[in-house]
Amino acid sequence: RSLARSAYNKNDFYTSKILWESALALNSLYPDGWFAYGTTAWKDKDLEKALDAFSRAVQIDPENGEAWNNIACLHMIRGKSQASVQSFREAVKFKRNSWQVWDNYSKVALDTGNIRLTLEAIKMV
């Protein structure tokens, strides 16, 4: 994990991703590791692995609002608005005071045509 963090800090995201894979193979019940792996994979433009990693993080710690937010953003990037709305719904439960989460939530709610939800999210921003 230390080597993975060190590679990340040097902006060597590919190496960091490989090192996180090795570390998580040894201890797969480390939610912060899955979150870091997801962040690294996202920086390395590996959206599938990033989505998988953040999903594993919330399986271990369902109250990880930041991981839920990242899952929602990845769905948003991939054009899956409905899945994004569901993930943002979870994210705002735990990051209620984050205007950034509410802002993104409003955009994806608008994409799905849910005006009531869009207005609620804008109000929270």
N, C-alpha and C. Protein backbone atom coordinates (compact mmCIF):
# COMPACT_ATOMS: atom_id res chain seq x y z
N ARG A 1 0.83 -1.19 0.00
CA ARG A 1 0.00 0.00 0.00
C ARG A 1 0.87 1.25 0.00
N SER A 2 1.97 1.19 0.74
CA SER A 2 2.88 2.34 0.77
C SER A 2 3.50 2.60 -0.60
N LEU A 3 3.89 1.52 -1.27
CA LEU A 3 4.46 1.67 -2.60
C LEU A 3 3.42 2.23 -3.58
N ALA A 4 2.18 1.77 -3.44
CA ALA A 4 1.11 2.25 -4.32
C ALA A 4 0.87 3.74 -4.09
N ARG A 5 0.86 4.15 -2.83
CA ARG A 5 0.67 5.58 -2.53
C ARG A 5 1.84 6.41 -3.03
N SER A 6 3.03 5.86 -2.89
CA SER A 6 4.22 6.57 -3.35
C SER A 6 4.18 6.77 -4.87
N ALA A 7 3.81 5.73 -5.59
CA ALA A 7 3.70 5.85 -7.06
C ALA A 7 2.62 6.85 -7.43
N TYR A 8 1.51 6.85 -6.70
CA TYR A 8 0.43 7.80 -6.95
C TYR A 8 0.92 9.23 -6.75
N ASN A 9 1.65 9.45 -5.66
CA ASN A 9 2.17 10.79 -5.37
C ASN A 9 3.16 11.28 -6.42
N LYS A 10 3.77 10.34 -7.15
CA LYS A 10 4.68 10.69 -8.24
C LYS A 10 3.95 10.77 -9.57
N ASN A 11 2.61 10.70 -9.53
CA ASN A 11 1.76 10.73 -10.73
C ASN A 11 2.02 9.55 -11.67
N ASP A 12 2.51 8.45 -11.13
CA ASP A 12 2.69 7.22 -11.89
C ASP A 12 1.47 6.34 -11.61
N PHE A 13 0.36 6.70 -12.25
CA PHE A 13 -0.91 6.07 -11.94
C PHE A 13 -0.98 4.61 -12.37
N TYR A 14 -0.35 4.28 -13.48
CA TYR A 14 -0.37 2.89 -13.93
C TYR A 14 0.33 1.99 -12.91
N THR A 15 1.52 2.38 -12.47
CA THR A 15 2.25 1.58 -11.48
C THR A 15 1.48 1.52 -10.17
N SER A 16 0.90 2.63 -9.76
CA SER A 16 0.11 2.66 -8.54
C SER A 16 -1.07 1.69 -8.64
N LYS A 17 -1.71 1.67 -9.80
CA LYS A 17 -2.85 0.77 -10.01
C LYS A 17 -2.42 -0.69 -9.86
N ILE A 18 -1.30 -1.04 -10.46
CA ILE A 18 -0.79 -2.42 -10.37
C ILE A 18 -0.46 -2.77 -8.91
N LEU A 19 0.16 -1.83 -8.21
CA LEU A 19 0.52 -2.08 -6.82
C LEU A 19 -0.72 -2.20 -5.93
N TRP A 20 -1.75 -1.40 -6.20
CA TRP A 20 -2.99 -1.54 -5.45
C TRP A 20 -3.63 -2.89 -5.71
N GLU A 21 -3.57 -3.36 -6.95
CA GLU A 21 -4.12 -4.69 -7.26
C GLU A 21 -3.42 -5.76 -6.43
N SER A 22 -2.11 -5.66 -6.31
CA SER A 22 -1.34 -6.63 -5.51
C SER A 22 -1.71 -6.53 -4.03
N ALA A 23 -1.80 -5.32 -3.52
CA ALA A 23 -2.13 -5.12 -2.11
C ALA A 23 -3.52 -5.63 -1.79
N LEU A 24 -4.46 -5.39 -2.68
CA LEU A 24 -5.84 -5.82 -2.43
C LEU A 24 -6.02 -7.31 -2.63
N ALA A 25 -5.12 -7.94 -3.37
CA ALA A 25 -5.16 -9.40 -3.49
C ALA A 25 -4.80 -10.04 -2.15
N LEU A 26 -3.97 -9.34 -1.36
CA LEU A 26 -3.58 -9.84 -0.04
C LEU A 26 -4.63 -9.54 1.02
N ASN A 27 -5.28 -8.39 0.93
CA ASN A 27 -6.29 -7.99 1.91
C ASN A 27 -7.41 -7.28 1.17
N SER A 28 -8.43 -8.04 0.79
CA SER A 28 -9.52 -7.48 -0.02
C SER A 28 -10.60 -6.80 0.83
N LEU A 29 -10.46 -6.81 2.14
CA LEU A 29 -11.47 -6.21 3.01
C LEU A 29 -11.03 -4.84 3.55
N TYR A 30 -10.26 -4.13 2.76
CA TYR A 30 -9.73 -2.83 3.15
C TYR A 30 -10.43 -1.76 2.30
N PRO A 31 -11.52 -1.15 2.82
CA PRO A 31 -12.30 -0.22 1.99
C PRO A 31 -11.51 0.99 1.51
N ASP A 32 -10.59 1.51 2.34
CA ASP A 32 -9.79 2.66 1.91
C ASP A 32 -8.87 2.28 0.75
N GLY A 33 -8.43 1.04 0.73
CA GLY A 33 -7.61 0.55 -0.38
C GLY A 33 -8.40 0.50 -1.67
N TRP A 34 -9.64 0.02 -1.59
CA TRP A 34 -10.49 -0.02 -2.78
C TRP A 34 -10.78 1.40 -3.29
N PHE A 35 -10.98 2.32 -2.34
CA PHE A 35 -11.22 3.71 -2.75
C PHE A 35 -9.98 4.28 -3.44
N ALA A 36 -8.81 4.06 -2.86
CA ALA A 36 -7.56 4.56 -3.45
C ALA A 36 -7.31 3.91 -4.82
N TYR A 37 -7.60 2.61 -4.91
CA TYR A 37 -7.44 1.90 -6.18
C TYR A 37 -8.39 2.50 -7.23
N GLY A 38 -9.62 2.80 -6.82
CA GLY A 38 -10.56 3.41 -7.75
C GLY A 38 -10.09 4.77 -8.24
N THR A 39 -9.57 5.55 -7.32
CA THR A 39 -9.05 6.88 -7.68
C THR A 39 -7.89 6.76 -8.65
N THR A 40 -7.00 5.83 -8.37
CA THR A 40 -5.83 5.61 -9.23
C THR A 40 -6.26 5.11 -10.61
N ALA A 41 -7.19 4.16 -10.64
CA ALA A 41 -7.67 3.64 -11.93
C ALA A 41 -8.34 4.75 -12.74
N TRP A 42 -9.08 5.61 -12.08
CA TRP A 42 -9.75 6.72 -12.76
C TRP A 42 -8.71 7.65 -13.35
N LYS A 43 -7.67 7.97 -12.57
CA LYS A 43 -6.59 8.85 -13.07
C LYS A 43 -5.86 8.19 -14.24
N ASP A 44 -5.83 6.85 -14.25
CA ASP A 44 -5.18 6.11 -15.33
C ASP A 44 -6.13 5.88 -16.50
N LYS A 45 -7.33 6.49 -16.42
CA LYS A 45 -8.36 6.42 -17.47
C LYS A 45 -8.93 5.01 -17.65
N ASP A 46 -8.87 4.19 -16.61
CA ASP A 46 -9.43 2.84 -16.63
C ASP A 46 -10.75 2.88 -15.87
N LEU A 47 -11.80 3.36 -16.56
CA LEU A 47 -13.08 3.62 -15.91
C LEU A 47 -13.76 2.36 -15.40
N GLU A 48 -13.60 1.25 -16.10
CA GLU A 48 -14.21 -0.01 -15.66
C GLU A 48 -13.64 -0.46 -14.31
N LYS A 49 -12.31 -0.42 -14.20
CA LYS A 49 -11.68 -0.82 -12.93
C LYS A 49 -12.00 0.18 -11.83
N ALA A 50 -12.09 1.45 -12.18
CA ALA A 50 -12.44 2.47 -11.19
C ALA A 50 -13.85 2.21 -10.65
N LEU A 51 -14.78 1.95 -11.54
CA LEU A 51 -16.16 1.68 -11.13
C LEU A 51 -16.23 0.43 -10.25
N ASP A 52 -15.51 -0.60 -10.64
CA ASP A 52 -15.47 -1.83 -9.85
C ASP A 52 -14.88 -1.57 -8.46
N ALA A 53 -13.81 -0.81 -8.40
CA ALA A 53 -13.15 -0.54 -7.12
C ALA A 53 -14.05 0.27 -6.19
N PHE A 54 -14.67 1.32 -6.70
CA PHE A 54 -15.56 2.12 -5.85
C PHE A 54 -16.77 1.29 -5.42
N SER A 55 -17.24 0.41 -6.29
CA SER A 55 -18.36 -0.46 -5.93
C SER A 55 -17.97 -1.40 -4.80
N ARG A 56 -16.76 -1.92 -4.85
CA ARG A 56 -16.29 -2.78 -3.76
C ARG A 56 -16.13 -2.00 -2.47
N ALA A 57 -15.71 -0.75 -2.58
CA ALA A 57 -15.57 0.10 -1.39
C ALA A 57 -16.91 0.28 -0.69
N VAL A 58 -17.99 0.50 -1.47
CA VAL A 58 -19.29 0.69 -0.84
C VAL A 58 -19.92 -0.63 -0.40
N GLN A 59 -19.48 -1.73 -0.97
CA GLN A 59 -19.95 -3.03 -0.48
C GLN A 59 -19.42 -3.28 0.93
N ILE A 60 -18.19 -2.86 1.16
CA ILE A 60 -17.58 -3.04 2.48
C ILE A 60 -18.06 -1.96 3.44
N ASP A 61 -18.16 -0.73 2.96
CA ASP A 61 -18.60 0.40 3.78
C ASP A 61 -19.71 1.15 3.05
N PRO A 62 -20.96 0.73 3.23
CA PRO A 62 -22.08 1.35 2.49
C PRO A 62 -22.30 2.83 2.81
N GLU A 63 -21.67 3.34 3.84
CA GLU A 63 -21.84 4.75 4.21
C GLU A 63 -20.74 5.65 3.65
N ASN A 64 -19.97 5.15 2.71
CA ASN A 64 -18.89 5.93 2.10
C ASN A 64 -19.49 6.83 1.01
N GLY A 65 -19.90 8.02 1.42
CA GLY A 65 -20.54 8.95 0.50
C GLY A 65 -19.66 9.37 -0.66
N GLU A 66 -18.37 9.50 -0.41
CA GLU A 66 -17.45 9.90 -1.48
C GLU A 66 -17.36 8.81 -2.56
N ALA A 67 -17.33 7.56 -2.14
CA ALA A 67 -17.30 6.46 -3.11
C ALA A 67 -18.60 6.41 -3.91
N TRP A 68 -19.75 6.61 -3.23
CA TRP A 68 -21.03 6.67 -3.94
C TRP A 68 -21.02 7.81 -4.96
N ASN A 69 -20.47 8.96 -4.57
CA ASN A 69 -20.39 10.09 -5.49
C ASN A 69 -19.54 9.73 -6.71
N ASN A 70 -18.42 9.07 -6.49
CA ASN A 70 -17.55 8.70 -7.61
C ASN A 70 -18.22 7.68 -8.53
N ILE A 71 -18.96 6.74 -7.95
CA ILE A 71 -19.71 5.79 -8.76
C ILE A 71 -20.71 6.54 -9.63
N ALA A 72 -21.42 7.48 -9.02
CA ALA A 72 -22.41 8.26 -9.76
C ALA A 72 -21.76 9.06 -10.89
N CYS A 73 -20.62 9.68 -10.60
CA CYS A 73 -19.91 10.46 -11.63
C CYS A 73 -19.44 9.57 -12.77
N LEU A 74 -18.95 8.38 -12.45
CA LEU A 74 -18.51 7.45 -13.50
C LEU A 74 -19.70 7.03 -14.36
N HIS A 75 -20.84 6.78 -13.75
CA HIS A 75 -22.04 6.46 -14.54
C HIS A 75 -22.44 7.65 -15.41
N MET A 76 -22.30 8.85 -14.86
CA MET A 76 -22.64 10.06 -15.60
C MET A 76 -21.73 10.19 -16.83
N ILE A 77 -20.44 9.96 -16.64
CA ILE A 77 -19.47 10.03 -17.74
C ILE A 77 -19.82 9.01 -18.82
N ARG A 78 -20.26 7.84 -18.40
CA ARG A 78 -20.57 6.76 -19.33
C ARG A 78 -21.96 6.90 -19.95
N GLY A 79 -22.68 7.97 -19.58
CA GLY A 79 -23.99 8.22 -20.16
C GLY A 79 -25.10 7.38 -19.58
N LYS A 80 -24.89 6.82 -18.40
CA LYS A 80 -25.91 5.99 -17.75
C LYS A 80 -26.58 6.82 -16.65
N SER A 81 -27.47 7.70 -17.10
CA SER A 81 -28.09 8.67 -16.19
C SER A 81 -28.91 8.02 -15.10
N GLN A 82 -29.67 6.98 -15.41
CA GLN A 82 -30.52 6.35 -14.41
C GLN A 82 -29.68 5.72 -13.29
N ALA A 83 -28.62 5.03 -13.66
CA ALA A 83 -27.73 4.45 -12.65
C ALA A 83 -27.04 5.55 -11.85
N SER A 84 -26.74 6.63 -12.51
CA SER A 84 -26.11 7.77 -11.85
C SER A 84 -27.05 8.38 -10.80
N VAL A 85 -28.30 8.54 -11.14
CA VAL A 85 -29.28 9.08 -10.19
C VAL A 85 -29.35 8.19 -8.95
N GLN A 86 -29.40 6.89 -9.15
CA GLN A 86 -29.49 5.96 -8.01
C GLN A 86 -28.26 6.08 -7.12
N SER A 87 -27.10 6.22 -7.72
CA SER A 87 -25.87 6.35 -6.93
C SER A 87 -25.80 7.69 -6.22
N PHE A 88 -26.23 8.75 -6.90
CA PHE A 88 -26.26 10.07 -6.24
C PHE A 88 -27.24 10.07 -5.07
N ARG A 89 -28.34 9.32 -5.21
CA ARG A 89 -29.31 9.21 -4.13
C ARG A 89 -28.63 8.66 -2.87
N GLU A 90 -27.75 7.69 -3.06
CA GLU A 90 -26.98 7.15 -1.93
C GLU A 90 -25.94 8.15 -1.44
N ALA A 91 -25.28 8.82 -2.37
CA ALA A 91 -24.21 9.76 -2.00
C ALA A 91 -24.74 10.90 -1.13
N VAL A 92 -25.91 11.43 -1.46
CA VAL A 92 -26.42 12.57 -0.70
C VAL A 92 -26.89 12.17 0.70
N LYS A 93 -27.13 10.89 0.91
CA LYS A 93 -27.48 10.43 2.27
C LYS A 93 -26.32 10.68 3.23
N PHE A 94 -25.10 10.54 2.71
CA PHE A 94 -23.92 10.60 3.56
C PHE A 94 -23.09 11.86 3.35
N LYS A 95 -23.35 12.59 2.28
CA LYS A 95 -22.63 13.85 2.00
C LYS A 95 -23.65 14.96 1.79
N ARG A 96 -24.55 15.07 2.72
CA ARG A 96 -25.68 15.99 2.63
C ARG A 96 -25.24 17.45 2.47
N ASN A 97 -24.11 17.81 3.00
CA ASN A 97 -23.66 19.21 2.97
C ASN A 97 -22.69 19.51 1.83
N SER A 98 -22.51 18.58 0.92
CA SER A 98 -21.58 18.79 -0.19
C SER A 98 -22.32 19.41 -1.38
N TRP A 99 -22.05 20.67 -1.65
CA TRP A 99 -22.72 21.33 -2.77
C TRP A 99 -22.32 20.70 -4.10
N GLN A 100 -21.08 20.16 -4.18
CA GLN A 100 -20.63 19.56 -5.43
C GLN A 100 -21.47 18.32 -5.78
N VAL A 101 -21.76 17.51 -4.76
CA VAL A 101 -22.59 16.32 -4.98
C VAL A 101 -23.99 16.75 -5.44
N TRP A 102 -24.56 17.73 -4.77
CA TRP A 102 -25.89 18.21 -5.14
C TRP A 102 -25.90 18.82 -6.55
N ASP A 103 -24.83 19.52 -6.91
CA ASP A 103 -24.74 20.12 -8.24
C ASP A 103 -24.74 19.03 -9.32
N ASN A 104 -23.91 18.02 -9.12
CA ASN A 104 -23.87 16.91 -10.09
C ASN A 104 -25.20 16.16 -10.12
N TYR A 105 -25.80 15.99 -8.95
CA TYR A 105 -27.10 15.31 -8.84
C TYR A 105 -28.15 16.07 -9.65
N SER A 106 -28.14 17.40 -9.56
CA SER A 106 -29.12 18.20 -10.30
C SER A 106 -28.97 18.01 -11.81
N LYS A 107 -27.74 17.94 -12.27
CA LYS A 107 -27.49 17.79 -13.71
C LYS A 107 -28.00 16.44 -14.23
N VAL A 108 -27.71 15.39 -13.48
CA VAL A 108 -28.12 14.07 -13.94
C VAL A 108 -29.64 13.89 -13.78
N ALA A 109 -30.22 14.52 -12.76
CA ALA A 109 -31.68 14.47 -12.60
C ALA A 109 -32.36 15.15 -13.78
N LEU A 110 -31.78 16.25 -14.23
CA LEU A 110 -32.32 16.95 -15.40
C LEU A 110 -32.21 16.07 -16.65
N ASP A 111 -31.08 15.35 -16.78
CA ASP A 111 -30.90 14.44 -17.91
C ASP A 111 -32.00 13.38 -17.97
N THR A 112 -32.47 12.95 -16.80
CA THR A 112 -33.51 11.92 -16.76
C THR A 112 -34.90 12.51 -16.85
N GLY A 113 -35.00 13.84 -16.87
CA GLY A 113 -36.30 14.49 -17.00
C GLY A 113 -37.05 14.62 -15.69
N ASN A 114 -36.39 14.40 -14.58
CA ASN A 114 -37.02 14.49 -13.27
C ASN A 114 -36.88 15.93 -12.76
N ILE A 115 -37.85 16.76 -13.11
CA ILE A 115 -37.78 18.19 -12.77
C ILE A 115 -37.87 18.42 -11.27
N ARG A 116 -38.73 17.67 -10.58
CA ARG A 116 -38.87 17.82 -9.14
C ARG A 116 -37.54 17.56 -8.44
N LEU A 117 -36.88 16.49 -8.81
CA LEU A 117 -35.58 16.14 -8.22
C LEU A 117 -34.52 17.17 -8.59
N THR A 118 -34.57 17.66 -9.82
CA THR A 118 -33.63 18.69 -10.27
C THR A 118 -33.76 19.95 -9.41
N LEU A 119 -34.99 20.38 -9.20
CA LEU A 119 -35.23 21.58 -8.40
C LEU A 119 -34.83 21.38 -6.94
N GLU A 120 -35.10 20.19 -6.41
CA GLU A 120 -34.69 19.89 -5.03
C GLU A 120 -33.17 19.96 -4.90
N ALA A 121 -32.46 19.38 -5.87
CA ALA A 121 -31.00 19.39 -5.83
C ALA A 121 -30.45 20.81 -5.98
N ILE A 122 -31.03 21.59 -6.87
CA ILE A 122 -30.58 22.98 -7.06
C ILE A 122 -30.82 23.78 -5.78
N LYS A 123 -31.94 23.55 -5.14
CA LYS A 123 -32.24 24.23 -3.88
C LYS A 123 -31.16 23.91 -2.83
N MET A 124 -30.71 22.66 -2.79
CA MET A 124 -29.69 22.25 -1.83
C MET A 124 -28.33 22.87 -2.14
N VAL A 125 -28.06 23.14 -3.42
CA VAL A 125 -26.80 23.78 -3.80
C VAL A 125 -26.76 25.16 -3.18
